Amino acid sequence: MDFGTARRNMIESQLRTNRIVDETLLAVMADVPRERFVPEHLQGIAYVDEDLAIGGGRYIMEPLVLAAMIQGAGIRPADVVLDIASGTGYAAAVLARLAGTVFAQENDATLAARAADLYSEMAPDNVVPVECPLAEGCAEHAPFDVILIEGAVERIPDAILDQLGDGGRLVAVVLEKGIGRMTVIRKTGSHYSRRAIRDANTPPLAAFRLPPEFVF
């Protein structure tokens, strides 16, 4: 399969036609080989506009959702980014070409091991793998300029919001009555502002589920 052509088609038919206008981001996504980050039997469909299962109940997000999240974060070259639920590392590999340092946080040892192999092979020397519970964030390396959560969440823990630096942005797909809203939360001093930028559909992360309500 001609993966280069598949990447170009992804850029032109999925991203540009859906308000992804950041040319630097588009150039990076046209270059990073997404097929390397999915299981071998799915490589032939690595560039379809769908979430793809990577094992352990986890998914690599569809290209448009990821691109919209990264564009919404407004990443700058010196930014320190926390990528939560980094999976096999595709988003971290993209982020590494846009930011100064990327902490790739994963709690699944199998996915983390696969990502480590890919980081080593592709040599993004500004990606730092971190293996720990997803809902805790990565306080020891905070503050972050950007936090990106790879999957839909029912809640964003205060402990993660606290890891944003002044002017920091958190981007996540937040579930509201079952509907995913891509949301940017910005921290200014001690104040947080919140803005939904588009509807988005992506598989939920179990680590961020709300506890079930007790019903009498």
N, C-alpha and C. Protein backbone atom coordinates (compact mmCIF):
# COMPACT_ATOMS: atom_id res chain seq x y z
N MET A 1 0.84 -1.20 0.00
CA MET A 1 0.00 0.00 0.00
C MET A 1 0.87 1.24 0.00
N ASP A 2 0.45 2.27 -0.70
CA ASP A 2 1.17 3.54 -0.76
C ASP A 2 0.69 4.41 0.40
N PHE A 3 1.39 4.33 1.53
CA PHE A 3 0.97 5.06 2.72
C PHE A 3 1.15 6.57 2.56
N GLY A 4 2.14 6.98 1.78
CA GLY A 4 2.33 8.40 1.54
C GLY A 4 1.12 9.02 0.88
N THR A 5 0.59 8.34 -0.13
CA THR A 5 -0.62 8.83 -0.79
C THR A 5 -1.80 8.82 0.16
N ALA A 6 -1.89 7.79 1.01
CA ALA A 6 -2.98 7.71 1.99
C ALA A 6 -2.92 8.88 2.96
N ARG A 7 -1.70 9.25 3.37
CA ARG A 7 -1.56 10.40 4.26
C ARG A 7 -2.00 11.69 3.58
N ARG A 8 -1.59 11.87 2.34
CA ARG A 8 -1.99 13.08 1.61
C ARG A 8 -3.51 13.14 1.44
N ASN A 9 -4.12 12.01 1.15
CA ASN A 9 -5.58 11.97 1.03
C ASN A 9 -6.25 12.32 2.35
N MET A 10 -5.68 11.84 3.47
CA MET A 10 -6.21 12.16 4.78
C MET A 10 -6.19 13.68 5.00
N ILE A 11 -5.07 14.29 4.66
CA ILE A 11 -4.94 15.74 4.84
C ILE A 11 -5.98 16.49 4.01
N GLU A 12 -6.11 16.13 2.74
CA GLU A 12 -6.96 16.89 1.84
C GLU A 12 -8.45 16.61 2.03
N SER A 13 -8.81 15.35 2.30
CA SER A 13 -10.24 15.00 2.34
C SER A 13 -10.83 14.99 3.74
N GLN A 14 -10.01 14.78 4.77
CA GLN A 14 -10.53 14.73 6.13
C GLN A 14 -10.26 15.99 6.92
N LEU A 15 -9.05 16.53 6.79
CA LEU A 15 -8.64 17.63 7.66
C LEU A 15 -8.92 19.01 7.07
N ARG A 16 -8.41 19.28 5.89
CA ARG A 16 -8.62 20.62 5.31
C ARG A 16 -10.10 20.92 5.11
N THR A 17 -10.89 19.93 4.78
CA THR A 17 -12.32 20.15 4.54
C THR A 17 -13.11 20.31 5.83
N ASN A 18 -12.45 20.14 6.98
CA ASN A 18 -13.15 20.24 8.27
C ASN A 18 -12.48 21.23 9.21
N ARG A 19 -12.05 22.36 8.63
CA ARG A 19 -11.57 23.52 9.40
C ARG A 19 -10.24 23.30 10.11
N ILE A 20 -9.45 22.37 9.65
CA ILE A 20 -8.08 22.27 10.15
C ILE A 20 -7.22 23.13 9.21
N VAL A 21 -6.74 24.26 9.72
CA VAL A 21 -6.08 25.27 8.88
C VAL A 21 -4.63 25.54 9.29
N ASP A 22 -4.18 24.91 10.36
CA ASP A 22 -2.80 25.12 10.83
C ASP A 22 -1.85 24.37 9.88
N GLU A 23 -1.13 25.11 9.05
CA GLU A 23 -0.29 24.49 8.03
C GLU A 23 0.87 23.70 8.62
N THR A 24 1.39 24.14 9.74
CA THR A 24 2.48 23.38 10.39
C THR A 24 1.97 22.04 10.87
N LEU A 25 0.81 22.03 11.51
CA LEU A 25 0.20 20.78 11.96
C LEU A 25 -0.10 19.86 10.78
N LEU A 26 -0.65 20.40 9.72
CA LEU A 26 -0.96 19.59 8.54
C LEU A 26 0.31 18.97 7.95
N ALA A 27 1.39 19.72 7.93
CA ALA A 27 2.64 19.20 7.39
C ALA A 27 3.18 18.07 8.27
N VAL A 28 3.05 18.22 9.57
CA VAL A 28 3.52 17.17 10.48
C VAL A 28 2.69 15.90 10.30
N MET A 29 1.36 16.05 10.24
CA MET A 29 0.51 14.87 10.11
C MET A 29 0.65 14.21 8.73
N ALA A 30 1.13 14.98 7.76
CA ALA A 30 1.40 14.41 6.44
C ALA A 30 2.70 13.62 6.43
N ASP A 31 3.48 13.75 7.49
CA ASP A 31 4.80 13.12 7.53
C ASP A 31 4.89 11.96 8.52
N VAL A 32 4.16 12.05 9.66
CA VAL A 32 4.26 11.00 10.68
C VAL A 32 3.50 9.76 10.21
N PRO A 33 4.14 8.59 10.18
CA PRO A 33 3.52 7.36 9.64
C PRO A 33 2.52 6.73 10.62
N ARG A 34 1.27 7.13 10.53
CA ARG A 34 0.23 6.64 11.45
C ARG A 34 0.10 5.11 11.41
N GLU A 35 0.39 4.51 10.26
CA GLU A 35 0.25 3.06 10.13
C GLU A 35 1.17 2.29 11.08
N ARG A 36 2.27 2.93 11.51
CA ARG A 36 3.19 2.25 12.41
C ARG A 36 2.64 2.13 13.83
N PHE A 37 1.63 2.90 14.15
CA PHE A 37 1.12 2.97 15.52
C PHE A 37 -0.14 2.15 15.73
N VAL A 38 -0.58 1.43 14.72
CA VAL A 38 -1.75 0.57 14.85
C VAL A 38 -1.32 -0.88 14.65
N PRO A 39 -2.12 -1.85 15.12
CA PRO A 39 -1.77 -3.26 14.91
C PRO A 39 -1.59 -3.57 13.42
N GLU A 40 -0.75 -4.54 13.13
CA GLU A 40 -0.39 -4.83 11.75
C GLU A 40 -1.61 -5.11 10.88
N HIS A 41 -2.61 -5.81 11.43
CA HIS A 41 -3.77 -6.16 10.61
C HIS A 41 -4.65 -4.95 10.29
N LEU A 42 -4.40 -3.81 10.94
CA LEU A 42 -5.17 -2.59 10.67
C LEU A 42 -4.38 -1.55 9.87
N GLN A 43 -3.16 -1.87 9.50
CA GLN A 43 -2.34 -0.87 8.81
C GLN A 43 -2.95 -0.43 7.49
N GLY A 44 -3.64 -1.32 6.82
CA GLY A 44 -4.25 -0.98 5.54
C GLY A 44 -5.37 0.04 5.65
N ILE A 45 -5.92 0.23 6.86
CA ILE A 45 -6.98 1.23 7.05
C ILE A 45 -6.54 2.30 8.06
N ALA A 46 -5.25 2.48 8.19
CA ALA A 46 -4.72 3.41 9.19
C ALA A 46 -5.17 4.84 8.97
N TYR A 47 -5.58 5.19 7.75
CA TYR A 47 -5.92 6.57 7.45
C TYR A 47 -7.41 6.80 7.22
N VAL A 48 -8.24 5.84 7.60
CA VAL A 48 -9.67 6.07 7.52
C VAL A 48 -10.09 7.02 8.64
N ASP A 49 -11.24 7.66 8.47
CA ASP A 49 -11.69 8.63 9.47
C ASP A 49 -12.49 7.92 10.57
N GLU A 50 -11.80 7.04 11.26
CA GLU A 50 -12.40 6.28 12.36
C GLU A 50 -11.37 6.08 13.46
N ASP A 51 -11.87 5.83 14.69
CA ASP A 51 -11.00 5.39 15.78
C ASP A 51 -10.64 3.93 15.52
N LEU A 52 -9.38 3.56 15.79
CA LEU A 52 -8.93 2.19 15.56
C LEU A 52 -8.46 1.56 16.86
N ALA A 53 -8.91 0.33 17.11
CA ALA A 53 -8.55 -0.36 18.34
C ALA A 53 -7.07 -0.72 18.35
N ILE A 54 -6.40 -0.44 19.47
CA ILE A 54 -4.98 -0.77 19.60
C ILE A 54 -4.73 -1.78 20.71
N GLY A 55 -5.81 -2.30 21.33
CA GLY A 55 -5.67 -3.31 22.37
C GLY A 55 -6.01 -2.78 23.75
N GLY A 56 -6.41 -3.70 24.63
CA GLY A 56 -6.71 -3.32 26.01
C GLY A 56 -7.91 -2.40 26.14
N GLY A 57 -8.84 -2.45 25.16
CA GLY A 57 -10.00 -1.57 25.20
C GLY A 57 -9.69 -0.14 24.84
N ARG A 58 -8.55 0.10 24.26
CA ARG A 58 -8.12 1.46 23.93
C ARG A 58 -8.07 1.67 22.42
N TYR A 59 -8.07 2.95 22.02
CA TYR A 59 -8.16 3.31 20.61
C TYR A 59 -7.19 4.42 20.27
N ILE A 60 -6.76 4.43 19.02
CA ILE A 60 -6.08 5.60 18.48
C ILE A 60 -7.18 6.47 17.87
N MET A 61 -7.21 7.74 18.25
CA MET A 61 -8.31 8.62 17.83
C MET A 61 -8.28 8.86 16.33
N GLU A 62 -9.45 9.09 15.76
CA GLU A 62 -9.52 9.38 14.34
C GLU A 62 -8.73 10.66 14.05
N PRO A 63 -8.15 10.77 12.86
CA PRO A 63 -7.27 11.91 12.57
C PRO A 63 -7.90 13.27 12.79
N LEU A 64 -9.16 13.46 12.39
CA LEU A 64 -9.78 14.78 12.52
C LEU A 64 -9.91 15.20 13.98
N VAL A 65 -10.34 14.28 14.85
CA VAL A 65 -10.50 14.63 16.27
C VAL A 65 -9.16 15.03 16.86
N LEU A 66 -8.13 14.24 16.59
CA LEU A 66 -6.81 14.57 17.12
C LEU A 66 -6.33 15.91 16.58
N ALA A 67 -6.45 16.11 15.28
CA ALA A 67 -5.99 17.36 14.68
C ALA A 67 -6.72 18.56 15.26
N ALA A 68 -8.03 18.44 15.46
CA ALA A 68 -8.81 19.56 16.01
C ALA A 68 -8.39 19.86 17.44
N MET A 69 -8.08 18.82 18.22
CA MET A 69 -7.64 19.03 19.59
C MET A 69 -6.29 19.75 19.62
N ILE A 70 -5.37 19.29 18.78
CA ILE A 70 -4.04 19.92 18.76
C ILE A 70 -4.14 21.35 18.26
N GLN A 71 -4.93 21.58 17.21
CA GLN A 71 -5.10 22.95 16.72
C GLN A 71 -5.73 23.83 17.79
N GLY A 72 -6.71 23.29 18.52
CA GLY A 72 -7.37 24.06 19.57
C GLY A 72 -6.46 24.41 20.73
N ALA A 73 -5.40 23.60 20.92
CA ALA A 73 -4.47 23.86 22.02
C ALA A 73 -3.52 25.01 21.71
N GLY A 74 -3.37 25.35 20.44
CA GLY A 74 -2.48 26.46 20.08
C GLY A 74 -1.05 26.24 20.55
N ILE A 75 -0.48 25.10 20.19
CA ILE A 75 0.84 24.72 20.70
C ILE A 75 1.94 25.58 20.10
N ARG A 76 2.87 26.01 20.98
CA ARG A 76 4.02 26.81 20.56
C ARG A 76 5.30 25.99 20.69
N PRO A 77 6.35 26.36 19.96
CA PRO A 77 7.56 25.53 19.92
C PRO A 77 8.23 25.26 21.26
N ALA A 78 8.08 26.15 22.23
CA ALA A 78 8.73 25.96 23.53
C ALA A 78 7.82 25.29 24.56
N ASP A 79 6.58 24.98 24.18
CA ASP A 79 5.61 24.45 25.15
C ASP A 79 6.02 23.08 25.70
N VAL A 80 5.67 22.88 26.96
CA VAL A 80 5.79 21.56 27.60
C VAL A 80 4.39 20.97 27.63
N VAL A 81 4.25 19.78 27.04
CA VAL A 81 2.94 19.18 26.83
C VAL A 81 2.83 17.87 27.60
N LEU A 82 1.69 17.64 28.24
CA LEU A 82 1.36 16.34 28.82
C LEU A 82 0.29 15.68 27.96
N ASP A 83 0.63 14.53 27.40
CA ASP A 83 -0.29 13.76 26.57
C ASP A 83 -0.79 12.58 27.41
N ILE A 84 -2.03 12.68 27.91
CA ILE A 84 -2.59 11.66 28.80
C ILE A 84 -3.29 10.59 27.98
N ALA A 85 -3.01 9.32 28.31
CA ALA A 85 -3.52 8.15 27.59
C ALA A 85 -2.89 8.09 26.20
N SER A 86 -1.58 8.13 26.17
CA SER A 86 -0.82 8.25 24.92
C SER A 86 -0.82 6.98 24.09
N GLY A 87 -1.26 5.85 24.65
CA GLY A 87 -1.39 4.62 23.86
C GLY A 87 -0.09 4.20 23.22
N THR A 88 -0.13 3.94 21.92
CA THR A 88 1.07 3.51 21.20
C THR A 88 1.93 4.68 20.75
N GLY A 89 1.49 5.91 21.00
CA GLY A 89 2.38 7.05 20.83
C GLY A 89 2.21 7.90 19.60
N TYR A 90 1.16 7.69 18.82
CA TYR A 90 1.01 8.47 17.59
C TYR A 90 0.87 9.97 17.89
N ALA A 91 -0.04 10.33 18.78
CA ALA A 91 -0.23 11.75 19.08
C ALA A 91 1.04 12.36 19.65
N ALA A 92 1.74 11.62 20.51
CA ALA A 92 2.98 12.12 21.08
C ALA A 92 4.02 12.38 19.99
N ALA A 93 4.05 11.50 18.99
CA ALA A 93 5.00 11.69 17.88
C ALA A 93 4.66 12.94 17.08
N VAL A 94 3.36 13.23 16.92
CA VAL A 94 2.95 14.46 16.25
C VAL A 94 3.28 15.67 17.12
N LEU A 95 2.91 15.60 18.38
CA LEU A 95 3.15 16.71 19.30
C LEU A 95 4.64 17.03 19.43
N ALA A 96 5.48 16.00 19.36
CA ALA A 96 6.92 16.19 19.53
C ALA A 96 7.51 17.11 18.47
N ARG A 97 6.85 17.19 17.31
CA ARG A 97 7.35 18.05 16.24
C ARG A 97 6.80 19.46 16.31
N LEU A 98 5.91 19.68 17.28
CA LEU A 98 5.29 21.00 17.43
C LEU A 98 5.70 21.69 18.72
N ALA A 99 6.05 20.92 19.74
CA ALA A 99 6.31 21.45 21.08
C ALA A 99 7.77 21.25 21.48
N GLY A 100 8.12 21.81 22.63
CA GLY A 100 9.48 21.66 23.13
C GLY A 100 9.72 20.31 23.77
N THR A 101 8.81 19.90 24.67
CA THR A 101 8.91 18.62 25.37
C THR A 101 7.53 18.02 25.50
N VAL A 102 7.43 16.71 25.32
CA VAL A 102 6.15 16.00 25.45
C VAL A 102 6.32 14.88 26.47
N PHE A 103 5.51 14.91 27.51
CA PHE A 103 5.44 13.81 28.46
C PHE A 103 4.28 12.91 28.03
N ALA A 104 4.60 11.69 27.64
CA ALA A 104 3.60 10.75 27.13
C ALA A 104 3.20 9.81 28.25
N GLN A 105 2.01 10.05 28.82
CA GLN A 105 1.55 9.30 30.00
C GLN A 105 0.66 8.15 29.60
N GLU A 106 1.00 6.96 30.07
CA GLU A 106 0.23 5.76 29.76
C GLU A 106 0.21 4.85 30.99
N ASN A 107 -0.91 4.13 31.19
CA ASN A 107 -1.00 3.20 32.31
C ASN A 107 -1.01 1.74 31.89
N ASP A 108 -1.15 1.48 30.59
CA ASP A 108 -1.16 0.11 30.07
C ASP A 108 0.27 -0.26 29.67
N ALA A 109 0.84 -1.24 30.37
CA ALA A 109 2.24 -1.58 30.17
C ALA A 109 2.53 -2.07 28.75
N THR A 110 1.57 -2.81 28.16
CA THR A 110 1.78 -3.32 26.81
C THR A 110 1.83 -2.19 25.80
N LEU A 111 0.89 -1.25 25.91
CA LEU A 111 0.88 -0.11 25.01
C LEU A 111 2.12 0.76 25.22
N ALA A 112 2.50 0.95 26.48
CA ALA A 112 3.67 1.77 26.78
C ALA A 112 4.94 1.16 26.19
N ALA A 113 5.04 -0.18 26.24
CA ALA A 113 6.21 -0.85 25.69
C ALA A 113 6.27 -0.70 24.17
N ARG A 114 5.11 -0.83 23.52
CA ARG A 114 5.07 -0.65 22.07
C ARG A 114 5.45 0.79 21.70
N ALA A 115 4.94 1.75 22.46
CA ALA A 115 5.27 3.15 22.20
C ALA A 115 6.76 3.40 22.38
N ALA A 116 7.36 2.81 23.42
CA ALA A 116 8.79 3.02 23.67
C ALA A 116 9.62 2.53 22.49
N ASP A 117 9.23 1.39 21.92
CA ASP A 117 9.94 0.87 20.74
C ASP A 117 9.85 1.86 19.58
N LEU A 118 8.66 2.42 19.38
CA LEU A 118 8.46 3.35 18.27
C LEU A 118 9.20 4.66 18.50
N TYR A 119 9.21 5.14 19.76
CA TYR A 119 9.95 6.36 20.05
C TYR A 119 11.44 6.15 19.77
N SER A 120 11.95 4.99 20.18
CA SER A 120 13.35 4.69 19.96
C SER A 120 13.69 4.64 18.47
N GLU A 121 12.80 4.01 17.72
CA GLU A 121 13.02 3.85 16.28
C GLU A 121 12.93 5.18 15.53
N MET A 122 11.96 6.00 15.92
CA MET A 122 11.75 7.26 15.21
C MET A 122 12.52 8.43 15.84
N ALA A 123 13.15 8.14 16.97
CA ALA A 123 14.07 9.08 17.63
C ALA A 123 13.49 10.46 17.92
N PRO A 124 12.26 10.56 18.45
CA PRO A 124 11.83 11.88 18.92
C PRO A 124 12.42 12.12 20.31
N ASP A 125 13.59 12.74 20.37
CA ASP A 125 14.32 12.83 21.64
C ASP A 125 13.69 13.78 22.64
N ASN A 126 12.58 14.43 22.27
CA ASN A 126 11.90 15.30 23.23
C ASN A 126 10.62 14.66 23.78
N VAL A 127 10.43 13.35 23.58
CA VAL A 127 9.31 12.64 24.18
C VAL A 127 9.81 11.89 25.42
N VAL A 128 9.12 12.11 26.55
CA VAL A 128 9.48 11.45 27.80
C VAL A 128 8.33 10.53 28.20
N PRO A 129 8.49 9.20 28.08
CA PRO A 129 7.42 8.28 28.49
C PRO A 129 7.25 8.26 30.00
N VAL A 130 6.00 8.26 30.45
CA VAL A 130 5.68 8.18 31.88
C VAL A 130 4.59 7.13 32.05
N GLU A 131 4.80 6.17 32.95
CA GLU A 131 3.82 5.12 33.17
C GLU A 131 3.22 5.28 34.57
N CYS A 132 1.95 5.70 34.62
CA CYS A 132 1.27 5.91 35.90
C CYS A 132 -0.23 6.03 35.64
N PRO A 133 -1.07 6.00 36.70
CA PRO A 133 -2.53 6.08 36.52
C PRO A 133 -2.94 7.35 35.79
N LEU A 134 -3.84 7.19 34.81
CA LEU A 134 -4.17 8.30 33.92
C LEU A 134 -4.84 9.46 34.64
N ALA A 135 -5.75 9.17 35.55
CA ALA A 135 -6.54 10.24 36.18
C ALA A 135 -5.73 11.07 37.16
N GLU A 136 -4.48 10.69 37.40
CA GLU A 136 -3.63 11.45 38.32
C GLU A 136 -2.82 12.52 37.60
N GLY A 137 -2.73 12.42 36.28
CA GLY A 137 -1.84 13.32 35.58
C GLY A 137 -0.39 12.99 35.91
N CYS A 138 0.46 13.99 35.89
CA CYS A 138 1.89 13.77 36.08
C CYS A 138 2.47 14.94 36.87
N ALA A 139 2.07 15.04 38.14
CA ALA A 139 2.37 16.22 38.95
C ALA A 139 3.87 16.47 39.10
N GLU A 140 4.67 15.41 39.09
CA GLU A 140 6.10 15.60 39.31
C GLU A 140 6.79 16.37 38.19
N HIS A 141 6.13 16.45 37.02
CA HIS A 141 6.72 17.19 35.91
C HIS A 141 5.95 18.47 35.59
N ALA A 142 4.94 18.78 36.39
CA ALA A 142 4.15 20.00 36.19
C ALA A 142 4.99 21.23 36.59
N PRO A 143 4.62 22.42 36.13
CA PRO A 143 3.41 22.76 35.36
C PRO A 143 3.58 22.52 33.87
N PHE A 144 2.44 22.36 33.18
CA PHE A 144 2.42 22.14 31.74
C PHE A 144 1.77 23.32 31.03
N ASP A 145 2.27 23.58 29.84
CA ASP A 145 1.64 24.60 29.00
C ASP A 145 0.39 24.06 28.33
N VAL A 146 0.42 22.77 28.01
CA VAL A 146 -0.71 22.11 27.35
C VAL A 146 -0.91 20.72 27.95
N ILE A 147 -2.16 20.37 28.21
CA ILE A 147 -2.52 18.99 28.57
C ILE A 147 -3.56 18.53 27.57
N LEU A 148 -3.30 17.38 26.96
CA LEU A 148 -4.23 16.80 25.99
C LEU A 148 -4.63 15.42 26.49
N ILE A 149 -5.93 15.15 26.54
CA ILE A 149 -6.43 13.84 26.99
C ILE A 149 -6.96 13.09 25.79
N GLU A 150 -6.36 11.93 25.52
CA GLU A 150 -6.70 11.15 24.32
C GLU A 150 -7.86 10.19 24.57
N GLY A 151 -9.05 10.72 24.57
CA GLY A 151 -10.25 9.91 24.77
C GLY A 151 -11.31 10.75 25.43
N ALA A 152 -12.56 10.33 25.29
CA ALA A 152 -13.65 11.08 25.92
C ALA A 152 -13.66 10.85 27.42
N VAL A 153 -14.01 11.90 28.16
CA VAL A 153 -14.01 11.82 29.62
C VAL A 153 -15.33 12.35 30.16
N GLU A 154 -15.75 11.78 31.27
CA GLU A 154 -16.95 12.27 31.95
C GLU A 154 -16.60 13.40 32.92
N ARG A 155 -15.34 13.48 33.30
CA ARG A 155 -14.91 14.49 34.27
C ARG A 155 -13.44 14.79 34.04
N ILE A 156 -13.03 15.96 34.45
CA ILE A 156 -11.61 16.32 34.46
C ILE A 156 -11.23 16.58 35.91
N PRO A 157 -10.44 15.71 36.51
CA PRO A 157 -10.11 15.87 37.93
C PRO A 157 -9.40 17.19 38.21
N ASP A 158 -9.70 17.76 39.37
CA ASP A 158 -9.03 18.99 39.78
C ASP A 158 -7.52 18.80 39.84
N ALA A 159 -7.09 17.58 40.21
CA ALA A 159 -5.65 17.31 40.32
C ALA A 159 -4.94 17.52 38.99
N ILE A 160 -5.64 17.25 37.88
CA ILE A 160 -5.04 17.47 36.55
C ILE A 160 -5.10 18.95 36.18
N LEU A 161 -6.22 19.60 36.43
CA LEU A 161 -6.32 21.03 36.15
C LEU A 161 -5.24 21.82 36.90
N ASP A 162 -4.94 21.38 38.11
CA ASP A 162 -3.93 22.07 38.92
C ASP A 162 -2.54 21.98 38.32
N GLN A 163 -2.35 21.07 37.36
CA GLN A 163 -1.03 20.88 36.76
C GLN A 163 -0.79 21.82 35.57
N LEU A 164 -1.80 22.61 35.22
CA LEU A 164 -1.61 23.62 34.19
C LEU A 164 -0.84 24.81 34.76
N GLY A 165 0.09 25.32 33.97
CA GLY A 165 0.75 26.55 34.34
C GLY A 165 -0.10 27.76 33.97
N ASP A 166 0.32 28.94 34.37
CA ASP A 166 -0.41 30.16 34.02
C ASP A 166 -0.40 30.32 32.51
N GLY A 167 -1.58 30.49 31.93
CA GLY A 167 -1.71 30.56 30.48
C GLY A 167 -1.83 29.19 29.82
N GLY A 168 -1.85 28.14 30.63
CA GLY A 168 -1.92 26.77 30.10
C GLY A 168 -3.29 26.43 29.56
N ARG A 169 -3.30 25.46 28.62
CA ARG A 169 -4.55 25.01 27.99
C ARG A 169 -4.69 23.51 28.14
N LEU A 170 -5.87 23.07 28.53
CA LEU A 170 -6.21 21.65 28.55
C LEU A 170 -7.28 21.41 27.49
N VAL A 171 -7.08 20.38 26.67
CA VAL A 171 -8.06 20.05 25.63
C VAL A 171 -8.51 18.62 25.83
N ALA A 172 -9.83 18.42 25.85
CA ALA A 172 -10.40 17.09 26.04
C ALA A 172 -11.78 17.04 25.40
N VAL A 173 -12.23 15.84 25.07
CA VAL A 173 -13.61 15.63 24.64
C VAL A 173 -14.39 15.28 25.90
N VAL A 174 -15.25 16.19 26.32
CA VAL A 174 -16.00 16.02 27.57
C VAL A 174 -17.41 15.56 27.22
N LEU A 175 -17.84 14.48 27.87
CA LEU A 175 -19.16 13.93 27.62
C LEU A 175 -20.20 14.69 28.43
N GLU A 176 -21.19 15.24 27.75
CA GLU A 176 -22.29 15.96 28.39
C GLU A 176 -23.59 15.31 27.94
N LYS A 177 -24.21 14.56 28.84
CA LYS A 177 -25.43 13.82 28.52
C LYS A 177 -25.23 12.91 27.30
N GLY A 178 -24.06 12.29 27.27
CA GLY A 178 -23.75 11.34 26.21
C GLY A 178 -23.21 11.94 24.93
N ILE A 179 -23.15 13.27 24.85
CA ILE A 179 -22.64 13.95 23.66
C ILE A 179 -21.24 14.47 23.94
N GLY A 180 -20.31 14.20 23.04
CA GLY A 180 -18.95 14.65 23.22
C GLY A 180 -18.76 16.09 22.76
N ARG A 181 -18.23 16.92 23.64
CA ARG A 181 -17.93 18.32 23.31
C ARG A 181 -16.42 18.52 23.44
N MET A 182 -15.77 18.83 22.33
CA MET A 182 -14.35 19.14 22.41
C MET A 182 -14.20 20.47 23.12
N THR A 183 -13.50 20.47 24.23
CA THR A 183 -13.49 21.59 25.14
C THR A 183 -12.06 22.04 25.42
N VAL A 184 -11.85 23.35 25.40
CA VAL A 184 -10.57 23.94 25.78
C VAL A 184 -10.74 24.67 27.10
N ILE A 185 -9.94 24.29 28.08
CA ILE A 185 -9.93 24.97 29.37
C ILE A 185 -8.61 25.72 29.50
N ARG A 186 -8.70 27.02 29.74
CA ARG A 186 -7.51 27.86 29.84
C ARG A 186 -7.36 28.38 31.27
N LYS A 187 -6.14 28.33 31.78
CA LYS A 187 -5.86 28.84 33.12
C LYS A 187 -5.18 30.19 33.03
N THR A 188 -5.75 31.17 33.72
CA THR A 188 -5.15 32.50 33.81
C THR A 188 -5.08 32.87 35.27
N GLY A 189 -3.87 32.87 35.83
CA GLY A 189 -3.74 33.06 37.27
C GLY A 189 -4.40 31.90 37.99
N SER A 190 -5.39 32.20 38.81
CA SER A 190 -6.13 31.14 39.51
C SER A 190 -7.50 30.91 38.88
N HIS A 191 -7.74 31.52 37.73
CA HIS A 191 -9.04 31.44 37.09
C HIS A 191 -8.99 30.49 35.89
N TYR A 192 -10.08 29.72 35.72
CA TYR A 192 -10.19 28.81 34.58
C TYR A 192 -11.36 29.24 33.70
N SER A 193 -11.12 29.37 32.41
CA SER A 193 -12.20 29.62 31.46
C SER A 193 -12.39 28.37 30.61
N ARG A 194 -13.58 28.17 30.14
CA ARG A 194 -13.94 26.93 29.45
C ARG A 194 -14.71 27.26 28.17
N ARG A 195 -14.30 26.62 27.05
CA ARG A 195 -14.96 26.90 25.78
C ARG A 195 -15.07 25.62 24.96
N ALA A 196 -16.28 25.31 24.50
CA ALA A 196 -16.49 24.16 23.60
C ALA A 196 -16.22 24.63 22.18
N ILE A 197 -15.39 23.89 21.44
CA ILE A 197 -15.02 24.34 20.10
C ILE A 197 -15.67 23.53 18.99
N ARG A 198 -16.12 22.31 19.28
CA ARG A 198 -16.88 21.54 18.29
C ARG A 198 -17.37 20.26 18.95
N ASP A 199 -18.39 19.65 18.37
CA ASP A 199 -18.81 18.33 18.81
C ASP A 199 -17.80 17.32 18.31
N ALA A 200 -17.60 16.26 19.09
CA ALA A 200 -16.63 15.23 18.70
C ALA A 200 -17.05 13.90 19.30
N ASN A 201 -16.75 12.85 18.58
CA ASN A 201 -17.11 11.51 19.01
C ASN A 201 -15.86 10.67 19.08
N THR A 202 -15.50 10.19 20.27
CA THR A 202 -14.33 9.33 20.42
C THR A 202 -14.58 8.42 21.62
N PRO A 203 -14.02 7.21 21.64
CA PRO A 203 -14.30 6.27 22.74
C PRO A 203 -13.90 6.83 24.10
N PRO A 204 -14.70 6.54 25.14
CA PRO A 204 -14.41 7.06 26.48
C PRO A 204 -13.25 6.33 27.15
N LEU A 205 -12.62 7.03 28.07
CA LEU A 205 -11.56 6.45 28.89
C LEU A 205 -12.16 6.02 30.23
N ALA A 206 -12.01 4.75 30.56
CA ALA A 206 -12.60 4.21 31.79
C ALA A 206 -12.05 4.91 33.02
N ALA A 207 -10.80 5.37 32.97
CA ALA A 207 -10.17 5.98 34.14
C ALA A 207 -10.84 7.28 34.56
N PHE A 208 -11.63 7.87 33.66
CA PHE A 208 -12.25 9.16 33.96
C PHE A 208 -13.77 9.06 34.14
N ARG A 209 -14.26 7.85 34.34
CA ARG A 209 -15.70 7.69 34.56
C ARG A 209 -16.10 8.21 35.93
N LEU A 210 -17.29 8.80 35.98
CA LEU A 210 -17.84 9.23 37.26
C LEU A 210 -18.30 8.00 38.03
N PRO A 211 -18.21 8.03 39.38
CA PRO A 211 -18.74 6.91 40.15
C PRO A 211 -20.24 6.81 39.97
N PRO A 212 -20.80 5.58 39.94
CA PRO A 212 -22.26 5.44 39.76
C PRO A 212 -23.02 6.08 40.92
N GLU A 213 -24.12 6.72 40.58
CA GLU A 213 -24.95 7.35 41.59
C GLU A 213 -25.80 6.31 42.32
N PHE A 214 -25.93 6.49 43.63
CA PHE A 214 -26.76 5.57 44.41
C PHE A 214 -28.24 5.96 44.24
N VAL A 215 -29.06 4.99 43.89
CA VAL A 215 -30.48 5.25 43.70
C VAL A 215 -31.28 4.51 44.75
N PHE A 216 -32.15 5.22 45.44
CA PHE A 216 -32.99 4.56 46.46
C PHE A 216 -34.07 3.72 45.78
